[in-house]
Amino acid sequence: MHTQHSHQELPVSRSRRALLAAAALAALPAVRARAAAATDRLVLAGPPITVSFPLIHMVESGALAEEGVTPKFALWTNPDQMRAWAVEGGADFIASPTNVAANLYNRGVPLRLLNVSVWGILWLVTRNGEAGSLADFRGQEIAVPFRGDMPDILFGVLARAQGLDPQKDFSLRYVTTPFDAVQLLVLRRVSHAVLPEPAVSMALRKTQSLPVSAVAPKLHRGLDLSAEWGRVLKREPRIPQAGLAALGKALGNAALCERVRRQYAASQAWCLENPEACGELVAKHIRMLTPQAVADALKASRDKPMAAASVRAELEYFFQRVHEVQPGLIGGKLPAADFYG
């Protein structure tokens, strides 16, 4: 009885495998279509600062829809997270500090910097409305976000260029994010902080509106670090701080890279021309930002996208200054020519 039952199961089993195989073959076009759709999904990643605003507009406006791709914005909140995404293929295009892009490239990550779009968003925000240079802050505590990254790097370069030792002449209080520094300012835990926009605008708004202003100090845009760069180093008052890089499989599609670069420029122009509307879009994707702070940041912005290859000399000067302070921050050497897209 048992043997007979086993013999009856054998053709059924073969029949089932045949049916499954046929079903798999029938489903193959749909699987391929889903795979193609996944391939066409573009991840545009960026931090909670002005460099990401055009990316969000590109997603919200459907700017790339006619190209058959579905863009998605992904927020990174610290440079280590951004590095991980770049190495692991978590994004196709990523807004990045220029030195981090150089570092990744020099470590062998397939990457090309398409543009530089942020030229000056760092300020030393302070309760001291009379301060005129970094020397005026000697001996005082200053909150600095992202130790070893852009705010810390620029503060160190500018301090050393004026004969100051950033570690000895100041009491630097390193914090995880710019918004942690804003909290310290609002709560009177510190009187000075190096901040990027729109964290600067958030700090100013928080301390000039009730009920926070009842306890928070009045703050000032004390020092524009880009203006300091120009004054101290005898250069134009602009720093190639951040831009958009293409990664991984996106690098193999030159036409797509060019479309994204072109659309980024158009979206950045829209944001600058429509700061309030841009603020509403950005606040939907970056909950920690308010529409008003985004609009304020755009009104104070000097952002302008320029192809990385066209400003290679400025990038290399900046990288050289960083290299003098800590070579590892750019991966130990200047990037090769194909880094500059």
Protein backbone atom coordinates (compact mmCIF):
# COMPACT_ATOMS: atom_id res chain seq x y z
CA MET A 1 0.00 0.00 0.00
CA HIS A 2 2.76 2.37 1.02
CA THR A 3 4.80 1.55 -2.10
CA GLN A 4 1.84 2.08 -4.34
CA HIS A 5 1.18 5.46 -2.74
CA SER A 6 4.79 6.47 -3.38
CA HIS A 7 4.55 5.50 -7.04
CA GLN A 8 1.39 7.58 -7.39
CA GLU A 9 3.14 10.66 -5.94
CA LEU A 10 6.04 10.63 -8.43
CA PRO A 11 4.17 11.81 -11.54
CA VAL A 12 2.27 14.35 -9.46
CA SER A 13 5.58 15.77 -8.22
CA ARG A 14 6.97 15.94 -11.76
CA SER A 15 3.76 17.55 -12.94
CA ARG A 16 3.96 20.13 -10.17
CA ARG A 17 7.56 21.02 -11.13
CA ALA A 18 6.49 21.34 -14.77
CA LEU A 19 3.64 23.64 -13.80
CA LEU A 20 5.93 25.75 -11.61
CA ALA A 21 8.48 25.98 -14.40
CA ALA A 22 5.79 27.05 -16.86
CA ALA A 23 4.50 29.63 -14.38
CA ALA A 24 8.00 30.96 -13.88
CA LEU A 25 8.50 31.29 -17.64
CA ALA A 26 5.16 33.06 -17.95
CA ALA A 27 6.09 35.45 -15.14
CA LEU A 28 9.54 36.21 -16.53
CA PRO A 29 8.51 39.30 -18.52
CA ALA A 30 6.92 40.78 -15.39
CA VAL A 31 10.03 40.02 -13.32
CA ARG A 32 12.19 41.67 -15.97
CA ALA A 33 9.85 44.66 -16.03
CA ARG A 34 10.09 45.01 -12.26
CA ALA A 35 13.88 44.74 -12.46
CA ALA A 36 13.94 47.41 -15.16
CA ALA A 37 11.72 49.63 -13.02
CA ALA A 38 14.09 49.14 -10.09
CA THR A 39 17.01 50.04 -12.34
CA ASP A 40 15.14 53.21 -13.40
CA ARG A 41 14.61 54.27 -9.78
CA LEU A 42 17.11 57.01 -8.97
CA VAL A 43 18.13 57.73 -5.39
CA LEU A 44 19.17 61.35 -4.90
CA ALA A 45 20.75 61.68 -1.45
CA GLY A 46 21.75 64.73 0.50
CA PRO A 47 22.13 66.38 3.93
CA PRO A 48 19.79 68.87 5.66
CA ILE A 49 21.49 71.93 4.11
CA THR A 50 21.01 74.05 1.00
CA VAL A 51 22.84 71.66 -1.35
CA SER A 52 19.88 69.26 -1.04
CA PHE A 53 17.11 71.73 -1.84
CA PRO A 54 17.39 71.33 -5.65
CA LEU A 55 17.30 67.54 -5.27
CA ILE A 56 14.02 67.78 -3.40
CA HIS A 57 12.57 70.08 -6.06
CA MET A 58 13.66 67.59 -8.75
CA VAL A 59 11.71 64.86 -6.97
CA GLU A 60 8.63 66.97 -6.18
CA SER A 61 8.36 68.59 -9.60
CA GLY A 62 8.67 65.33 -11.57
CA ALA A 63 11.54 66.93 -13.48
CA LEU A 64 12.99 63.57 -14.54
CA ALA A 65 9.68 61.82 -15.24
CA GLU A 66 9.97 62.31 -18.97
CA GLU A 67 13.24 60.40 -18.87
CA GLY A 68 11.43 57.30 -17.58
CA VAL A 69 13.00 57.34 -14.12
CA THR A 70 11.45 57.64 -10.67
CA PRO A 71 13.65 59.82 -8.47
CA LYS A 72 13.57 59.50 -4.69
CA PHE A 73 15.20 61.81 -2.15
CA ALA A 74 17.09 60.16 0.73
CA LEU A 75 18.33 62.22 3.67
CA TRP A 76 21.74 61.61 5.21
CA THR A 77 22.30 63.27 8.57
CA ASN A 78 26.03 62.80 9.14
CA PRO A 79 29.06 62.32 6.86
CA ASP A 80 29.69 58.76 8.08
CA GLN A 81 26.24 57.72 6.89
CA MET A 82 26.92 59.36 3.54
CA ARG A 83 30.23 57.51 3.21
CA ALA A 84 28.51 54.21 3.94
CA TRP A 85 25.88 54.84 1.26
CA ALA A 86 28.55 55.76 -1.26
CA VAL A 87 30.57 52.62 -0.59
CA GLU A 88 27.55 50.26 -0.44
CA GLY A 89 25.70 51.67 -3.46
CA GLY A 90 22.86 53.22 -1.48
CA ALA A 91 22.52 56.22 -3.81
CA ASP A 92 22.96 57.08 -7.48
CA PHE A 93 23.65 60.78 -6.99
CA ILE A 94 24.74 62.24 -3.70
CA ALA A 95 25.17 65.80 -2.45
CA SER A 96 28.47 65.83 -0.60
CA PRO A 97 31.14 68.05 0.91
CA THR A 98 33.79 68.27 -1.78
CA ASN A 99 36.57 66.93 0.43
CA VAL A 100 34.50 63.83 1.30
CA ALA A 101 33.90 63.19 -2.40
CA ALA A 102 37.65 63.48 -3.01
CA ASN A 103 38.37 61.12 -0.12
CA LEU A 104 35.96 58.48 -1.43
CA TYR A 105 37.36 58.77 -4.95
CA ASN A 106 40.93 58.33 -3.68
CA ARG A 107 39.82 55.25 -1.73
CA GLY A 108 38.62 53.62 -4.93
CA VAL A 109 34.88 54.34 -4.77
CA PRO A 110 33.50 54.80 -8.32
CA LEU A 111 32.55 58.47 -8.14
CA ARG A 112 32.73 61.69 -10.14
CA LEU A 113 32.01 65.20 -8.89
CA LEU A 114 29.53 66.75 -11.33
CA ASN A 115 29.31 70.25 -9.92
CA VAL A 116 30.10 72.60 -7.09
CA SER A 117 26.93 74.34 -5.98
CA VAL A 118 27.65 75.56 -2.44
CA TRP A 119 30.20 78.37 -2.08
CA GLY A 120 29.54 79.83 1.33
CA ILE A 121 27.02 78.63 3.91
CA LEU A 122 29.16 78.53 7.07
CA TRP A 123 28.96 81.24 9.70
CA LEU A 124 30.27 81.71 13.20
CA VAL A 125 27.00 82.56 14.96
CA THR A 126 27.59 84.45 18.19
CA ARG A 127 26.16 86.55 20.98
CA ASN A 128 29.02 89.00 20.38
CA GLY A 129 27.79 91.46 17.78
CA GLU A 130 31.13 93.31 17.77
CA ALA A 131 33.44 90.43 16.76
CA GLY A 132 35.41 91.13 13.58
CA SER A 133 37.81 88.17 13.25
CA LEU A 134 38.55 84.75 14.70
CA ALA A 135 41.12 86.34 17.00
CA ASP A 136 38.23 88.03 18.84
CA PHE A 137 37.09 84.57 19.98
CA ARG A 138 40.46 83.48 21.43
CA GLY A 139 40.05 81.59 24.70
CA GLN A 140 36.29 81.14 24.29
CA GLU A 141 34.14 78.05 23.86
CA ILE A 142 32.77 77.43 20.35
CA ALA A 143 30.40 74.62 19.40
CA VAL A 144 31.45 72.84 16.19
CA PRO A 145 29.43 70.08 14.48
CA PHE A 146 30.88 67.14 12.52
CA ARG A 147 34.35 66.81 14.02
CA GLY A 148 36.89 66.22 11.23
CA ASP A 149 34.47 67.32 8.51
CA MET A 150 33.66 70.56 6.70
CA PRO A 151 32.83 72.99 9.57
CA ASP A 152 35.80 71.75 11.61
CA ILE A 153 38.12 71.71 8.58
CA LEU A 154 37.38 75.28 7.52
CA PHE A 155 37.59 76.64 11.04
CA GLY A 156 41.00 75.00 11.42
CA VAL A 157 42.32 76.22 8.05
CA LEU A 158 41.25 79.80 8.74
CA ALA A 159 42.56 79.78 12.30
CA ARG A 160 45.99 78.51 11.24
CA ALA A 161 46.16 81.04 8.40
CA GLN A 162 45.87 83.76 11.08
CA GLY A 163 48.53 82.26 13.34
CA LEU A 164 46.02 80.66 15.70
CA ASP A 165 46.00 77.06 16.93
CA PRO A 166 42.41 75.81 16.80
CA GLN A 167 42.99 73.29 19.60
CA LYS A 168 44.94 75.58 21.94
CA ASP A 169 43.58 79.06 21.30
CA PHE A 170 39.91 78.03 21.48
CA SER A 171 37.82 75.66 23.54
CA LEU A 172 36.10 73.66 20.81
CA ARG A 173 32.98 71.79 21.88
CA TYR A 174 32.28 69.16 19.24
CA VAL A 175 28.67 68.13 18.70
CA THR A 176 27.05 65.54 16.47
CA THR A 177 24.93 67.77 14.23
CA PRO A 178 24.37 71.50 13.58
CA PHE A 179 20.98 71.21 15.28
CA ASP A 180 22.66 70.09 18.50
CA ALA A 181 24.71 73.28 18.32
CA VAL A 182 21.54 75.33 17.76
CA GLN A 183 20.05 73.82 20.94
CA LEU A 184 23.15 74.74 22.91
CA LEU A 185 22.89 78.33 21.67
CA VAL A 186 19.18 78.61 22.42
CA LEU A 187 19.61 77.18 25.92
CA ARG A 188 22.58 79.47 26.66
CA ARG A 189 24.94 76.52 27.07
CA VAL A 190 27.34 78.13 24.58
CA SER A 191 27.65 81.65 23.19
CA HIS A 192 29.22 80.82 19.82
CA ALA A 193 28.86 78.07 17.21
CA VAL A 194 30.04 77.30 13.68
CA LEU A 195 26.86 76.61 11.71
CA PRO A 196 25.81 76.00 8.10
CA GLU A 197 22.62 77.33 6.57
CA PRO A 198 19.76 76.72 7.22
CA ALA A 199 20.78 75.95 10.83
CA VAL A 200 21.95 79.59 11.05
CA SER A 201 18.50 80.85 10.08
CA MET A 202 16.83 78.42 12.48
CA ALA A 203 18.98 79.68 15.36
CA LEU A 204 18.24 83.32 14.54
CA ARG A 205 14.49 82.68 14.26
CA LYS A 206 14.37 80.65 17.47
CA THR A 207 16.02 83.44 19.46
CA GLN A 208 14.00 86.28 18.01
CA SER A 209 10.51 84.84 18.52
CA LEU A 210 8.45 84.13 21.61
CA PRO A 211 8.41 82.11 23.76
CA VAL A 212 12.03 81.09 23.13
CA SER A 213 13.32 84.66 23.06
CA ALA A 214 12.29 85.07 26.70
CA VAL A 215 15.21 82.86 27.72
CA ALA A 216 17.47 82.63 24.66
CA PRO A 217 20.21 85.11 23.84
CA LYS A 218 20.03 87.39 20.84
CA LEU A 219 22.34 85.98 18.20
CA HIS A 220 24.27 87.51 15.32
CA ARG A 221 25.82 86.31 12.07
CA GLY A 222 29.21 87.06 13.53
CA LEU A 223 31.65 85.87 10.88
CA ASP A 224 31.01 84.70 7.35
CA LEU A 225 33.69 82.03 6.92
CA SER A 226 33.72 82.54 3.15
CA ALA A 227 34.45 86.24 3.65
CA GLU A 228 37.20 85.24 6.10
CA TRP A 229 38.60 82.85 3.48
CA GLY A 230 38.85 85.70 0.99
CA ARG A 231 40.26 88.21 3.48
CA VAL A 232 42.86 85.98 5.10
CA LEU A 233 44.01 84.03 2.02
CA LYS A 234 43.71 86.94 -0.45
CA ARG A 235 41.27 85.11 -2.68
CA GLU A 236 37.70 85.47 -3.85
CA PRO A 237 35.33 85.26 -0.87
CA ARG A 238 33.95 81.86 -1.85
CA ILE A 239 34.83 78.28 -0.95
CA PRO A 240 33.98 75.19 -3.05
CA GLN A 241 32.30 73.49 -0.13
CA ALA A 242 29.80 71.03 -1.57
CA GLY A 243 28.37 69.69 -4.79
CA LEU A 244 26.67 66.79 -6.51
CA ALA A 245 28.49 63.53 -7.28
CA ALA A 246 27.49 60.61 -9.49
CA LEU A 247 28.08 57.11 -8.13
CA GLY A 248 28.16 53.50 -9.19
CA LYS A 249 25.97 52.55 -12.12
CA ALA A 250 24.99 56.18 -12.77
CA LEU A 251 28.59 56.82 -13.86
CA GLY A 252 28.09 54.52 -16.84
CA ASN A 253 25.24 56.66 -18.18
CA ALA A 254 26.79 59.90 -19.43
CA ALA A 255 23.49 61.16 -20.84
CA LEU A 256 21.75 60.66 -17.49
CA CYS A 257 24.56 62.42 -15.61
CA GLU A 258 24.27 65.39 -17.93
CA ARG A 259 20.47 65.51 -17.59
CA VAL A 260 20.70 65.39 -13.80
CA ARG A 261 23.37 68.09 -13.74
CA ARG A 262 21.30 70.30 -16.04
CA GLN A 263 18.11 69.75 -14.06
CA TYR A 264 19.91 70.37 -10.77
CA ALA A 265 20.92 73.81 -12.06
CA ALA A 266 17.35 74.55 -13.15
CA SER A 267 15.95 73.40 -9.81
CA GLN A 268 18.48 75.43 -7.85
CA ALA A 269 17.50 78.52 -9.83
CA TRP A 270 13.83 77.82 -9.05
CA CYS A 271 14.59 77.48 -5.32
CA LEU A 272 16.47 80.78 -5.24
CA GLU A 273 13.65 82.54 -7.12
CA ASN A 274 10.89 80.96 -4.99
CA PRO A 275 12.30 80.71 -1.44
CA GLU A 276 8.94 80.42 0.35
CA ALA A 277 7.60 77.74 -2.00
CA CYS A 278 10.90 75.88 -1.80
CA GLY A 279 10.70 76.06 1.99
CA GLU A 280 7.35 74.27 1.95
CA LEU A 281 8.73 71.51 -0.30
CA VAL A 282 11.89 71.01 1.75
CA ALA A 283 10.06 70.87 5.08
CA LYS A 284 8.02 67.91 3.78
CA HIS A 285 11.20 65.89 3.30
CA ILE A 286 13.42 67.24 6.08
CA ARG A 287 11.26 67.42 9.19
CA MET A 288 13.91 69.13 11.29
CA LEU A 289 13.75 72.23 9.06
CA THR A 290 10.99 74.83 9.05
CA PRO A 291 9.75 76.43 5.81
CA GLN A 292 10.68 79.86 7.18
CA ALA A 293 14.28 78.89 7.97
CA VAL A 294 14.69 77.36 4.51
CA ALA A 295 13.38 80.55 2.91
CA ASP A 296 15.69 82.70 5.05
CA ALA A 297 18.67 80.53 4.10
CA LEU A 298 17.89 80.86 0.40
CA LYS A 299 17.58 84.63 0.67
CA ALA A 300 21.06 84.76 2.22
CA SER A 301 22.49 82.23 -0.25
CA ARG A 302 25.23 82.70 -2.81
CA ASP A 303 24.81 79.17 -4.15
CA LYS A 304 25.51 78.73 -7.84
CA PRO A 305 26.12 75.40 -9.59
CA MET A 306 29.27 75.25 -11.68
CA ALA A 307 30.65 72.20 -13.46
CA ALA A 308 33.41 70.69 -11.35
CA ALA A 309 35.82 70.65 -14.30
CA SER A 310 35.37 74.40 -14.78
CA VAL A 311 36.40 75.17 -11.17
CA ARG A 312 39.08 72.50 -10.84
CA ALA A 313 41.72 75.09 -9.93
CA GLU A 314 39.64 76.35 -6.98
CA LEU A 315 38.91 72.82 -5.84
CA GLU A 316 42.58 71.88 -5.97
CA TYR A 317 43.56 74.98 -3.99
CA PHE A 318 41.00 74.07 -1.34
CA PHE A 319 42.10 70.43 -1.30
CA GLN A 320 45.73 71.53 -0.95
CA ARG A 321 44.88 73.66 2.10
CA VAL A 322 43.03 70.70 3.63
CA HIS A 323 45.95 68.38 2.79
CA GLU A 324 48.33 70.66 4.68
CA VAL A 325 46.20 70.31 7.81
CA GLN A 326 45.31 66.62 7.56
CA PRO A 327 46.05 64.68 4.35
CA GLY A 328 43.65 61.87 5.20
CA LEU A 329 40.67 64.19 4.87
CA ILE A 330 41.01 64.07 1.08
CA GLY A 331 42.44 60.56 0.89
CA GLY A 332 46.11 61.57 0.99
CA LYS A 333 46.44 63.23 -2.42
CA LEU A 334 44.73 65.42 -4.99
CA PRO A 335 42.17 63.52 -7.08
CA ALA A 336 43.05 62.62 -10.68
CA ALA A 337 41.56 64.47 -13.65
CA ASP A 338 38.59 62.12 -14.11
CA PHE A 339 37.26 63.06 -10.66
CA TYR A 340 36.19 66.44 -12.05
CA GLY A 341 33.05 65.87 -14.08
